[in-house]
Amino acid sequence: MRTLVAALLSVTFLLVAGIAEADAGQALTKVKVGHLVALDMAPLFVAKESGCFAQSGLDVDTVFFANPGDNNAALAGGKIDFSINPFTLPFFAANSGVSIRVISAAGGWGVMEVIASQQLGFRSFGDLKAYIKAGKPKLKIATLQGDTLELILTREFARNGIDSKDVEFVYFNDLLAMVEAFRTGQVDMLSHIKPYTTEMVATKGATVLANNAQAWTLHTPNTVVSVLDETLTHRPQVVHAFLKGLVCGADLINRTPDQAVALLSKGHYFRVSPAVLLSSFKSAPAPISFVPDVNAIQSVVSDLTKLGYIKGNVTAKDIFRLDMIKSIEQ
């Protein structure tokens, strides 16, 4: 009971703090943040709803993008100040001459999952391999081309000795359309993200075959936070305030997931039930934090290069700037 009271008081304090700043007449700095719909956007949304950003002096406008490429383009064109995108996208931008800098992971580990239809009865990629060996009809797998969602499949295929030619990749450019295709049986497997994979497990009996923490390393992210070098150089206080707000939002999720779900439901950020959202948080392999495994990221990007998706020689060390988030998390 004391823990619940303390949690409620903590959330109330943050809300009051934000209001107090506004009442004091202190102008908040307006920033725009481009985002997708993955569970690792939750710290962003909780920070906005709880008052964490206001407490850091920011008025954050969240801008939804259904397509990661459009999110990238908006940052490059100066239409948004921060972009939260799959970690492969900054490499595409940098190799196109954009002065992009990755300043942290977005928040959340193991949020990418590969799921299979209940009818298949799969429990692992070994079951998929046995299905293919038996000469059964080729299965359709929904994913995003040249994205982390495709790379988790190619990595697990290589690990299990599966030839990608023995399945049919169905490529989408809309994350929510992918879920609907799986829901309606148009595809047999789905490489996607929580909480939507969690919803398919809860409502359609889907089974999880792997997640990105297993495919790569625990702290290999799904998405990262990026800014232009100009922003990091000339507005470091804004970048610091934004990261501080994210950490504040993550702390609320880690300590009081029930309260975080209530805040997220208030804002209608995810098209899933509160129960599914809570299950998504509780099934995470580790608490939310923000310093990614750069070596693992580089290995995935190397896979992308071998597949011919990335043209250029930009490395993670060229664009990652993690000193600020490391100092905040200490």
Protein backbone atom coordinates (compact mmCIF):
# COMPACT_ATOMS: atom_id res chain seq x y z
CA MET A 1 0.00 0.00 0.00
CA ARG A 2 2.84 2.38 0.88
CA THR A 3 4.44 1.67 -2.52
CA LEU A 4 1.23 2.57 -4.35
CA VAL A 5 0.79 5.78 -2.34
CA ALA A 6 4.40 6.75 -3.01
CA ALA A 7 3.95 6.13 -6.72
CA LEU A 8 0.79 8.24 -6.86
CA LEU A 9 2.51 11.03 -4.96
CA SER A 10 5.46 10.85 -7.36
CA VAL A 11 3.24 11.22 -10.43
CA THR A 12 1.28 14.01 -8.76
CA PHE A 13 4.49 15.82 -7.90
CA LEU A 14 5.63 15.78 -11.51
CA LEU A 15 2.29 17.09 -12.74
CA VAL A 16 2.26 19.85 -10.15
CA ALA A 17 5.86 20.73 -10.94
CA GLY A 18 4.99 21.22 -14.59
CA ILE A 19 1.99 23.37 -13.71
CA ALA A 20 4.01 25.40 -11.23
CA GLU A 21 6.56 26.26 -13.92
CA ALA A 22 3.82 27.39 -16.25
CA ASP A 23 2.18 29.45 -13.49
CA ALA A 24 5.49 31.09 -12.77
CA GLY A 25 5.40 32.49 -16.27
CA GLN A 26 8.53 30.69 -17.39
CA ALA A 27 8.25 30.12 -21.13
CA LEU A 28 8.76 26.53 -22.21
CA THR A 29 10.95 25.80 -25.22
CA LYS A 30 8.89 24.26 -28.02
CA VAL A 31 10.34 21.24 -29.83
CA LYS A 32 8.91 18.73 -32.30
CA VAL A 33 9.64 15.02 -32.08
CA GLY A 34 8.97 12.58 -34.91
CA HIS A 35 8.01 9.09 -33.78
CA LEU A 36 6.52 5.75 -34.85
CA VAL A 37 4.25 3.42 -32.85
CA ALA A 38 6.63 1.02 -31.08
CA LEU A 39 6.61 0.33 -27.35
CA ASP A 40 9.99 2.02 -27.01
CA MET A 41 8.22 5.32 -27.75
CA ALA A 42 6.52 4.96 -24.35
CA PRO A 43 9.11 7.03 -22.41
CA LEU A 44 8.47 9.89 -24.86
CA PHE A 45 4.71 9.72 -24.36
CA VAL A 46 4.85 9.23 -20.58
CA ALA A 47 7.29 12.13 -20.26
CA LYS A 48 4.85 14.34 -22.16
CA GLU A 49 1.74 13.25 -20.24
CA SER A 50 3.32 13.22 -16.77
CA GLY A 51 4.92 16.65 -16.90
CA CYS A 52 8.50 15.35 -17.11
CA PHE A 53 9.24 17.46 -20.19
CA ALA A 54 7.60 20.55 -18.71
CA GLN A 55 9.71 20.05 -15.60
CA SER A 56 12.77 20.12 -17.89
CA GLY A 57 11.55 23.32 -19.54
CA LEU A 58 10.20 21.84 -22.76
CA ASP A 59 6.88 21.95 -24.57
CA VAL A 60 7.05 18.80 -26.70
CA ASP A 61 4.91 18.32 -29.79
CA THR A 62 4.84 14.66 -30.88
CA VAL A 63 4.51 14.07 -34.63
CA PHE A 64 3.46 10.60 -35.81
CA PHE A 65 4.97 9.01 -38.92
CA ALA A 66 3.68 5.73 -40.33
CA ASN A 67 6.83 5.36 -42.42
CA PRO A 68 10.39 5.56 -40.96
CA GLY A 69 11.72 7.12 -44.17
CA ASP A 70 9.33 10.05 -43.85
CA ASN A 71 10.48 10.52 -40.26
CA ASN A 72 14.10 10.62 -41.46
CA ALA A 73 13.27 13.15 -44.18
CA ALA A 74 11.47 15.43 -41.72
CA LEU A 75 14.55 15.61 -39.50
CA ALA A 76 16.87 16.21 -42.45
CA GLY A 77 14.58 18.99 -43.67
CA GLY A 78 14.38 20.71 -40.28
CA LYS A 79 10.65 20.08 -39.85
CA ILE A 80 11.25 18.30 -36.54
CA ASP A 81 13.95 18.71 -33.89
CA PHE A 82 14.26 15.08 -32.75
CA SER A 83 13.59 11.83 -34.58
CA ILE A 84 12.87 8.46 -33.00
CA ASN A 85 13.45 5.86 -35.69
CA PRO A 86 14.87 2.35 -36.21
CA PHE A 87 18.61 2.49 -35.63
CA THR A 88 19.35 1.66 -39.26
CA LEU A 89 17.75 4.89 -40.55
CA PRO A 90 20.46 7.29 -39.28
CA PHE A 91 22.99 5.33 -41.35
CA PHE A 92 20.90 5.82 -44.48
CA ALA A 93 20.72 9.54 -43.70
CA ALA A 94 24.42 9.90 -42.93
CA ASN A 95 25.42 8.10 -46.12
CA SER A 96 23.23 10.58 -48.02
CA GLY A 97 25.14 13.50 -46.56
CA VAL A 98 22.83 14.41 -43.66
CA SER A 99 24.73 15.59 -40.56
CA ILE A 100 22.76 13.31 -38.25
CA ARG A 101 23.81 12.39 -34.71
CA VAL A 102 22.39 9.57 -32.57
CA ILE A 103 22.20 10.67 -28.93
CA SER A 104 20.55 7.71 -27.20
CA ALA A 105 18.38 4.64 -27.53
CA ALA A 106 14.68 5.47 -27.44
CA GLY A 107 14.01 3.35 -24.35
CA GLY A 108 13.08 -0.31 -24.02
CA TRP A 109 14.79 -3.63 -24.73
CA GLY A 110 13.49 -6.73 -26.50
CA VAL A 111 10.56 -4.88 -28.08
CA MET A 112 11.06 -6.39 -31.55
CA GLU A 113 9.48 -9.83 -31.86
CA VAL A 114 8.92 -12.43 -34.55
CA ILE A 115 5.57 -14.15 -34.08
CA ALA A 116 3.87 -17.04 -35.84
CA SER A 117 0.20 -17.84 -36.39
CA GLN A 118 -1.37 -20.16 -33.83
CA GLN A 119 -2.39 -22.56 -36.61
CA LEU A 120 1.24 -23.32 -37.42
CA GLY A 121 1.99 -24.63 -33.94
CA PHE A 122 5.54 -23.22 -34.04
CA ARG A 123 7.52 -22.65 -30.87
CA SER A 124 10.89 -21.85 -32.41
CA PHE A 125 12.71 -21.24 -35.67
CA GLY A 126 13.62 -24.90 -35.52
CA ASP A 127 9.94 -25.67 -36.09
CA LEU A 128 9.97 -23.39 -39.13
CA LYS A 129 13.02 -25.26 -40.46
CA ALA A 130 11.24 -28.61 -39.99
CA TYR A 131 8.13 -27.23 -41.74
CA ILE A 132 10.22 -26.20 -44.75
CA LYS A 133 12.09 -29.51 -44.81
CA ALA A 134 8.75 -31.33 -44.95
CA GLY A 135 7.99 -29.59 -48.25
CA LYS A 136 4.88 -27.81 -47.03
CA PRO A 137 3.48 -24.66 -48.72
CA LYS A 138 5.76 -21.60 -48.60
CA LEU A 139 4.89 -19.29 -45.70
CA LYS A 140 4.41 -15.53 -45.97
CA ILE A 141 6.28 -13.31 -43.50
CA ALA A 142 5.42 -9.62 -43.10
CA THR A 143 8.30 -7.21 -42.49
CA LEU A 144 9.83 -3.87 -43.48
CA GLN A 145 12.51 -4.05 -46.17
CA GLY A 146 16.00 -2.89 -45.24
CA ASP A 147 14.87 -2.37 -41.66
CA THR A 148 15.73 -3.89 -38.29
CA LEU A 149 12.52 -5.91 -38.65
CA GLU A 150 13.98 -7.67 -41.67
CA LEU A 151 17.44 -8.00 -40.13
CA ILE A 152 16.15 -9.92 -37.10
CA LEU A 153 14.75 -12.48 -39.55
CA THR A 154 17.94 -12.80 -41.60
CA ARG A 155 20.01 -13.18 -38.42
CA GLU A 156 17.75 -15.92 -37.01
CA PHE A 157 17.59 -17.65 -40.40
CA ALA A 158 21.40 -17.75 -40.54
CA ARG A 159 21.59 -19.07 -36.99
CA ASN A 160 19.10 -21.85 -37.74
CA GLY A 161 20.29 -22.76 -41.23
CA ILE A 162 17.16 -21.51 -43.02
CA ASP A 163 17.34 -20.22 -46.59
CA SER A 164 15.29 -17.03 -47.04
CA LYS A 165 14.30 -18.32 -50.51
CA ASP A 166 12.21 -21.00 -48.78
CA VAL A 167 9.78 -18.36 -47.43
CA GLU A 168 8.10 -15.34 -48.98
CA PHE A 169 8.89 -11.95 -47.47
CA VAL A 170 5.94 -9.60 -47.83
CA TYR A 171 7.23 -6.05 -47.54
CA PHE A 172 5.14 -3.22 -46.08
CA ASN A 173 5.75 0.51 -45.63
CA ASP A 174 3.07 0.96 -42.95
CA LEU A 175 3.59 -0.58 -39.52
CA LEU A 176 -0.10 -0.76 -38.63
CA ALA A 177 -1.02 -2.30 -42.00
CA MET A 178 1.40 -5.12 -41.22
CA VAL A 179 -0.45 -5.96 -38.02
CA GLU A 180 -3.79 -5.98 -39.83
CA ALA A 181 -2.39 -8.35 -42.47
CA PHE A 182 -1.39 -10.79 -39.73
CA ARG A 183 -4.66 -10.32 -37.85
CA THR A 184 -6.69 -11.19 -40.95
CA GLY A 185 -4.55 -14.16 -41.98
CA GLN A 186 -3.01 -12.59 -45.08
CA VAL A 187 0.45 -13.50 -43.74
CA ASP A 188 1.57 -16.42 -41.58
CA MET A 189 4.35 -14.77 -39.59
CA LEU A 190 5.08 -11.22 -38.53
CA SER A 191 8.28 -9.41 -37.59
CA HIS A 192 7.02 -6.44 -35.64
CA ILE A 193 7.10 -4.66 -32.30
CA LYS A 194 5.44 -4.62 -28.92
CA PRO A 195 2.70 -3.89 -27.92
CA TYR A 196 1.22 -5.10 -31.23
CA THR A 197 2.93 -8.49 -31.12
CA THR A 198 1.79 -8.82 -27.50
CA GLU A 199 -1.77 -8.12 -28.62
CA MET A 200 -1.57 -10.85 -31.26
CA VAL A 201 -0.36 -13.30 -28.62
CA ALA A 202 -3.21 -12.33 -26.28
CA THR A 203 -6.06 -12.17 -28.81
CA LYS A 204 -5.03 -14.49 -31.66
CA GLY A 205 -2.95 -17.12 -29.85
CA ALA A 206 0.22 -16.20 -31.77
CA THR A 207 3.54 -17.55 -30.52
CA VAL A 208 6.79 -15.61 -30.08
CA LEU A 209 9.74 -17.24 -31.84
CA ALA A 210 12.44 -14.64 -31.04
CA ASN A 211 13.08 -11.06 -30.00
CA ASN A 212 15.90 -8.66 -30.77
CA ALA A 213 17.51 -9.15 -27.36
CA GLN A 214 17.97 -12.83 -28.25
CA ALA A 215 18.89 -12.24 -31.89
CA TRP A 216 21.59 -9.70 -31.08
CA THR A 217 22.33 -8.54 -27.50
CA LEU A 218 20.21 -7.37 -24.58
CA HIS A 219 20.94 -3.69 -25.19
CA THR A 220 20.58 -3.72 -28.97
CA PRO A 221 17.73 -1.25 -29.45
CA ASN A 222 14.85 -1.14 -31.86
CA THR A 223 14.86 2.64 -32.23
CA VAL A 224 17.19 5.50 -31.36
CA VAL A 225 16.89 9.25 -30.80
CA SER A 226 18.60 11.39 -33.43
CA VAL A 227 19.19 15.09 -33.98
CA LEU A 228 21.06 17.15 -36.53
CA ASP A 229 24.64 18.01 -35.63
CA GLU A 230 23.65 21.69 -35.70
CA THR A 231 21.12 21.10 -32.91
CA LEU A 232 23.60 19.19 -30.77
CA THR A 233 26.28 21.83 -31.30
CA HIS A 234 24.26 25.02 -30.93
CA ARG A 235 21.40 23.92 -28.65
CA PRO A 236 22.99 21.38 -26.26
CA GLN A 237 20.82 22.60 -23.38
CA VAL A 238 17.68 21.64 -25.33
CA VAL A 239 19.10 18.21 -26.15
CA HIS A 240 20.03 17.71 -22.50
CA ALA A 241 16.56 18.76 -21.35
CA PHE A 242 14.94 16.35 -23.79
CA LEU A 243 17.06 13.40 -22.67
CA LYS A 244 16.45 14.28 -19.03
CA GLY A 245 12.71 14.22 -19.72
CA LEU A 246 12.97 10.81 -21.38
CA VAL A 247 14.84 9.38 -18.40
CA CYS A 248 12.18 10.81 -16.10
CA GLY A 249 9.44 9.14 -18.18
CA ALA A 250 11.29 5.82 -18.18
CA ASP A 251 11.68 5.98 -14.41
CA LEU A 252 7.90 6.24 -14.05
CA ILE A 253 7.42 3.19 -16.29
CA ASN A 254 10.05 1.15 -14.46
CA ARG A 255 8.75 2.00 -10.98
CA THR A 256 4.99 2.22 -11.55
CA PRO A 257 3.94 0.54 -14.81
CA ASP A 258 0.26 0.70 -13.83
CA GLN A 259 0.45 4.48 -13.59
CA ALA A 260 2.37 4.67 -16.85
CA VAL A 261 -0.36 2.67 -18.59
CA ALA A 262 -2.99 5.05 -17.20
CA LEU A 263 -1.08 8.02 -18.61
CA LEU A 264 -0.64 6.32 -21.99
CA SER A 265 -4.31 5.36 -22.16
CA LYS A 266 -5.23 8.96 -21.48
CA GLY A 267 -3.29 10.04 -24.56
CA HIS A 268 -4.51 7.16 -26.79
CA TYR A 269 -0.98 6.55 -28.04
CA PHE A 270 -1.25 2.81 -28.68
CA ARG A 271 -4.23 1.06 -30.25
CA VAL A 272 -4.24 -1.75 -27.71
CA SER A 273 -5.99 -2.37 -24.40
CA PRO A 274 -4.44 -1.27 -21.09
CA ALA A 275 -4.03 -4.94 -20.14
CA VAL A 276 -1.97 -5.63 -23.28
CA LEU A 277 0.13 -2.54 -22.69
CA LEU A 278 0.85 -3.54 -19.10
CA SER A 279 1.77 -7.07 -20.22
CA SER A 280 4.16 -5.57 -22.79
CA PHE A 281 6.03 -3.67 -20.08
CA LYS A 282 6.12 -6.55 -17.62
CA SER A 283 7.47 -9.02 -20.19
CA ALA A 284 10.44 -6.82 -21.10
CA PRO A 285 13.80 -8.58 -20.58
CA ALA A 286 15.26 -5.60 -18.67
CA PRO A 287 14.22 -2.23 -17.19
CA ILE A 288 14.17 0.72 -19.58
CA SER A 289 17.48 2.51 -20.02
CA PHE A 290 19.03 4.49 -22.85
CA VAL A 291 22.65 3.55 -23.58
CA PRO A 292 22.67 1.14 -26.54
CA ASP A 293 25.17 -1.57 -27.45
CA VAL A 294 27.03 0.24 -30.25
CA ASN A 295 29.08 -2.79 -31.25
CA ALA A 296 25.93 -4.86 -31.76
CA ILE A 297 24.39 -2.04 -33.79
CA GLN A 298 27.46 -1.95 -36.00
CA SER A 299 27.22 -5.70 -36.59
CA VAL A 300 23.61 -5.33 -37.76
CA VAL A 301 24.56 -2.45 -40.04
CA SER A 302 27.31 -4.63 -41.47
CA ASP A 303 24.64 -7.23 -42.26
CA LEU A 304 22.65 -4.51 -44.04
CA THR A 305 25.69 -3.55 -46.07
CA LYS A 306 26.27 -7.15 -47.13
CA LEU A 307 22.64 -7.33 -48.29
CA GLY A 308 23.22 -4.24 -50.42
CA TYR A 309 20.81 -1.95 -48.58
CA ILE A 310 23.45 0.48 -47.33
CA LYS A 311 25.75 2.17 -49.81
CA GLY A 312 28.54 3.95 -47.99
CA ASN A 313 31.10 3.53 -45.23
CA VAL A 314 29.58 5.45 -42.31
CA THR A 315 30.13 3.60 -39.03
CA ALA A 316 28.36 3.82 -35.69
CA LYS A 317 31.36 5.63 -34.24
CA ASP A 318 30.93 8.33 -36.87
CA ILE A 319 27.40 9.29 -35.84
CA PHE A 320 26.79 8.11 -32.27
CA ARG A 321 27.25 10.73 -29.53
CA LEU A 322 26.34 9.09 -26.21
CA ASP A 323 28.31 11.14 -23.66
CA MET A 324 25.30 13.24 -22.68
CA ILE A 325 22.91 10.36 -22.03
CA LYS A 326 25.63 8.48 -20.14
CA SER A 327 26.15 11.47 -17.85
CA ILE A 328 22.41 11.80 -17.21
CA GLU A 329 21.94 8.11 -16.42
CA GLN A 330 24.84 8.02 -13.94
